[in-house]
């Protein structure tokens, strides 16, 4: 559970730092969600 929370927090931080537009933010959040979803499927 701590790992998922850490990944989520880091993904959110990178998404905020790396996006310049609302569209970019949406894409970053979607990618972060995909990473988290894949991580939970592996367990």
PDB file of N, CA and C in Angstrom:
ATOM      1  N   UNK A   1       0.822  -1.197   0.000  1.00  0.00           N
ATOM      2  CA  UNK A   1       0.000   0.000   0.000  1.00  0.00           C
ATOM      3  C   UNK A   1       0.865   1.260   0.000  1.00  0.00           C
ATOM      4  N   UNK A   2       1.974   1.213   0.756  1.00  0.00           N
ATOM      5  CA  UNK A   2       2.867   2.372   0.793  1.00  0.00           C
ATOM      6  C   UNK A   2       3.490   2.617  -0.574  1.00  0.00           C
ATOM      7  N   UNK A   3       3.786   1.536  -1.283  1.00  0.00           N
ATOM      8  CA  UNK A   3       4.389   1.668  -2.606  1.00  0.00           C
ATOM      9  C   UNK A   3       3.435   2.358  -3.570  1.00  0.00           C
ATOM     10  N   UNK A   4       2.191   1.965  -3.536  1.00  0.00           N
ATOM     11  CA  UNK A   4       1.194   2.579  -4.416  1.00  0.00           C
ATOM     12  C   UNK A   4       1.027   4.051  -4.079  1.00  0.00           C
ATOM     13  N   UNK A   5       0.975   4.380  -2.812  1.00  0.00           N
ATOM     14  CA  UNK A   5       0.833   5.772  -2.400  1.00  0.00           C
ATOM     15  C   UNK A   5       2.036   6.595  -2.840  1.00  0.00           C
ATOM     16  N   UNK A   6       3.222   6.013  -2.738  1.00  0.00           N
ATOM     17  CA  UNK A   6       4.438   6.712  -3.159  1.00  0.00           C
ATOM     18  C   UNK A   6       4.432   6.952  -4.662  1.00  0.00           C
ATOM     19  N   UNK A   7       4.072   5.933  -5.420  1.00  0.00           N
ATOM     20  CA  UNK A   7       4.010   6.068  -6.878  1.00  0.00           C
ATOM     21  C   UNK A   7       2.981   7.121  -7.264  1.00  0.00           C
ATOM     22  N   UNK A   8       1.857   7.104  -6.623  1.00  0.00           N
ATOM     23  CA  UNK A   8       0.811   8.078  -6.909  1.00  0.00           C
ATOM     24  C   UNK A   8       1.287   9.491  -6.613  1.00  0.00           C
ATOM     25  N   UNK A   9       1.906   9.696  -5.470  1.00  0.00           N
ATOM     26  CA  UNK A   9       2.391  11.029  -5.093  1.00  0.00           C
ATOM     27  C   UNK A   9       3.462  11.521  -6.061  1.00  0.00           C
ATOM     28  N   UNK A  10       4.388  10.657  -6.423  1.00  0.00           N
ATOM     29  CA  UNK A  10       5.441  11.056  -7.361  1.00  0.00           C
ATOM     30  C   UNK A  10       4.866  11.348  -8.745  1.00  0.00           C
ATOM     31  N   UNK A  11       3.944  10.525  -9.185  1.00  0.00           N
ATOM     32  CA  UNK A  11       3.318  10.742 -10.488  1.00  0.00           C
ATOM     33  C   UNK A  11       2.578  12.067 -10.525  1.00  0.00           C
ATOM     34  N   UNK A  12       1.876  12.367  -9.460  1.00  0.00           N
ATOM     35  CA  UNK A  12       1.139  13.624  -9.386  1.00  0.00           C
ATOM     36  C   UNK A  12       2.100  14.810  -9.402  1.00  0.00           C
ATOM     37  N   UNK A  13       3.203  14.696  -8.680  1.00  0.00           N
ATOM     38  CA  UNK A  13       4.188  15.777  -8.645  1.00  0.00           C
ATOM     39  C   UNK A  13       4.800  16.002 -10.028  1.00  0.00           C
ATOM     40  N   UNK A  14       5.155  14.909 -10.716  1.00  0.00           N
ATOM     41  CA  UNK A  14       5.713  15.039 -12.059  1.00  0.00           C
ATOM     42  C   UNK A  14       4.683  15.595 -13.037  1.00  0.00           C
ATOM     43  N   UNK A  15       3.449  15.200 -12.881  1.00  0.00           N
ATOM     44  CA  UNK A  15       2.398  15.695 -13.764  1.00  0.00           C
ATOM     45  C   UNK A  15       2.233  17.203 -13.604  1.00  0.00           C
ATOM     46  N   UNK A  16       2.261  17.677 -12.383  1.00  0.00           N
ATOM     47  CA  UNK A  16       2.129  19.113 -12.151  1.00  0.00           C
ATOM     48  C   UNK A  16       3.340  19.883 -12.657  1.00  0.00           C
ATOM     49  N   UNK A  17       4.509  19.309 -12.492  1.00  0.00           N
ATOM     50  CA  UNK A  17       5.733  19.993 -12.907  1.00  0.00           C
ATOM     51  C   UNK A  17       5.926  19.958 -14.422  1.00  0.00           C
ATOM     52  N   UNK A  18       5.435  18.924 -15.079  1.00  0.00           N
ATOM     53  CA  UNK A  18       5.736  18.735 -16.482  1.00  0.00           C
ATOM     54  C   UNK A  18       4.694  19.228 -17.471  1.00  0.00           C
ATOM     55  N   UNK A  19       3.540  19.621 -17.020  1.00  0.00           N
ATOM     56  CA  UNK A  19       2.503  19.992 -17.981  1.00  0.00           C
ATOM     57  C   UNK A  19       2.334  21.507 -18.044  1.00  0.00           C
ATOM     58  N   UNK A  20       2.056  22.001 -19.236  1.00  0.00           N
ATOM     59  CA  UNK A  20       1.882  23.440 -19.434  1.00  0.00           C
ATOM     60  C   UNK A  20       0.445  23.812 -19.775  1.00  0.00           C
ATOM     61  N   UNK A  21      -0.358  22.839 -20.132  1.00  0.00           N
ATOM     62  CA  UNK A  21      -1.738  23.122 -20.512  1.00  0.00           C
ATOM     63  C   UNK A  21      -2.681  22.161 -19.815  1.00  0.00           C
ATOM     64  N   UNK A  22      -3.932  22.443 -19.870  1.00  0.00           N
ATOM     65  CA  UNK A  22      -4.941  21.565 -19.283  1.00  0.00           C
ATOM     66  C   UNK A  22      -4.937  20.225 -20.011  1.00  0.00           C
ATOM     67  N   UNK A  23      -4.778  20.269 -21.316  1.00  0.00           N
ATOM     68  CA  UNK A  23      -4.728  19.029 -22.098  1.00  0.00           C
ATOM     69  C   UNK A  23      -3.516  18.197 -21.687  1.00  0.00           C
ATOM     70  N   UNK A  24      -2.385  18.841 -21.522  1.00  0.00           N
ATOM     71  CA  UNK A  24      -1.179  18.153 -21.089  1.00  0.00           C
ATOM     72  C   UNK A  24      -1.338  17.549 -19.705  1.00  0.00           C
ATOM     73  N   UNK A  25      -2.012  18.267 -18.831  1.00  0.00           N
ATOM     74  CA  UNK A  25      -2.254  17.761 -17.479  1.00  0.00           C
ATOM     75  C   UNK A  25      -3.115  16.507 -17.536  1.00  0.00           C
ATOM     76  N   UNK A  26      -4.130  16.532 -18.370  1.00  0.00           N
ATOM     77  CA  UNK A  26      -5.003  15.366 -18.513  1.00  0.00           C
ATOM     78  C   UNK A  26      -4.245  14.150 -19.019  1.00  0.00           C
ATOM     79  N   UNK A  27      -3.370  14.366 -19.975  1.00  0.00           N
ATOM     80  CA  UNK A  27      -2.579  13.262 -20.515  1.00  0.00           C
ATOM     81  C   UNK A  27      -1.628  12.714 -19.459  1.00  0.00           C
ATOM     82  N   UNK A  28      -0.997  13.603 -18.689  1.00  0.00           N
ATOM     83  CA  UNK A  28      -0.079  13.169 -17.642  1.00  0.00           C
ATOM     84  C   UNK A  28      -0.803  12.371 -16.567  1.00  0.00           C
ATOM     85  N   UNK A  29      -1.966  12.824 -16.181  1.00  0.00           N
ATOM     86  CA  UNK A  29      -2.740  12.123 -15.158  1.00  0.00           C
ATOM     87  C   UNK A  29      -3.194  10.758 -15.679  1.00  0.00           C
ATOM     88  N   UNK A  30      -3.554  10.716 -16.945  1.00  0.00           N
ATOM     89  CA  UNK A  30      -3.971   9.436 -17.537  1.00  0.00           C
ATOM     90  C   UNK A  30      -2.807   8.449 -17.553  1.00  0.00           C
ATOM     91  N   UNK A  31      -1.618   8.917 -17.899  1.00  0.00           N
ATOM     92  CA  UNK A  31      -0.438   8.045 -17.907  1.00  0.00           C
ATOM     93  C   UNK A  31      -0.124   7.558 -16.499  1.00  0.00           C
ATOM     94  N   UNK A  32      -0.228   8.450 -15.520  1.00  0.00           N
ATOM     95  CA  UNK A  32       0.029   8.060 -14.134  1.00  0.00           C
ATOM     96  C   UNK A  32      -0.978   7.005 -13.685  1.00  0.00           C
ATOM     97  N   UNK A  33      -2.226   7.188 -14.061  1.00  0.00           N
ATOM     98  CA  UNK A  33      -3.258   6.207 -13.728  1.00  0.00           C
ATOM     99  C   UNK A  33      -2.988   4.858 -14.355  1.00  0.00           C
ATOM    100  N   UNK A  34      -2.484   4.855 -15.578  1.00  0.00           N
ATOM    101  CA  UNK A  34      -2.155   3.602 -16.250  1.00  0.00           C
ATOM    102  C   UNK A  34      -1.024   2.870 -15.533  1.00  0.00           C
ATOM    103  N   UNK A  35      -0.025   3.632 -15.095  1.00  0.00           N
ATOM    104  CA  UNK A  35       1.100   3.035 -14.367  1.00  0.00           C
ATOM    105  C   UNK A  35       0.614   2.400 -13.070  1.00  0.00           C
ATOM    106  N   UNK A  36      -0.227   3.103 -12.352  1.00  0.00           N
ATOM    107  CA  UNK A  36      -0.749   2.592 -11.086  1.00  0.00           C
ATOM    108  C   UNK A  36      -1.620   1.362 -11.329  1.00  0.00           C
ATOM    109  N   UNK A  37      -2.433   1.419 -12.367  1.00  0.00           N
ATOM    110  CA  UNK A  37      -3.301   0.288 -12.696  1.00  0.00           C
ATOM    111  C   UNK A  37      -2.466  -0.940 -13.046  1.00  0.00           C
ATOM    112  N   UNK A  38      -1.421  -0.757 -13.826  1.00  0.00           N
ATOM    113  CA  UNK A  38      -0.547  -1.875 -14.183  1.00  0.00           C
ATOM    114  C   UNK A  38       0.149  -2.444 -12.943  1.00  0.00           C
ATOM    115  N   UNK A  39       0.558  -1.566 -12.030  1.00  0.00           N
ATOM    116  CA  UNK A  39       1.244  -2.021 -10.820  1.00  0.00           C
ATOM    117  C   UNK A  39       0.313  -2.858  -9.944  1.00  0.00           C
ATOM    118  N   UNK A  40      -0.948  -2.478  -9.876  1.00  0.00           N
ATOM    119  CA  UNK A  40      -1.890  -3.237  -9.046  1.00  0.00           C
ATOM    120  C   UNK A  40      -2.248  -4.574  -9.690  1.00  0.00           C
ATOM    121  N   UNK A  41      -2.221  -4.641 -11.023  1.00  0.00           N
ATOM    122  CA  UNK A  41      -2.535  -5.910 -11.710  1.00  0.00           C
ATOM    123  C   UNK A  41      -1.425  -6.931 -11.518  1.00  0.00           C
ATOM    124  N   UNK A  42      -0.197  -6.468 -11.329  1.00  0.00           N
ATOM    125  CA  UNK A  42       0.941  -7.371 -11.172  1.00  0.00           C
ATOM    126  C   UNK A  42       0.946  -8.061  -9.816  1.00  0.00           C
ATOM    127  N   UNK A  43       0.247  -7.501  -8.842  1.00  0.00           N
ATOM    128  CA  UNK A  43       0.259  -8.069  -7.493  1.00  0.00           C
ATOM    129  C   UNK A  43      -0.759  -9.130  -7.328  1.00  0.00           C
TER     130      UNK A  43
END
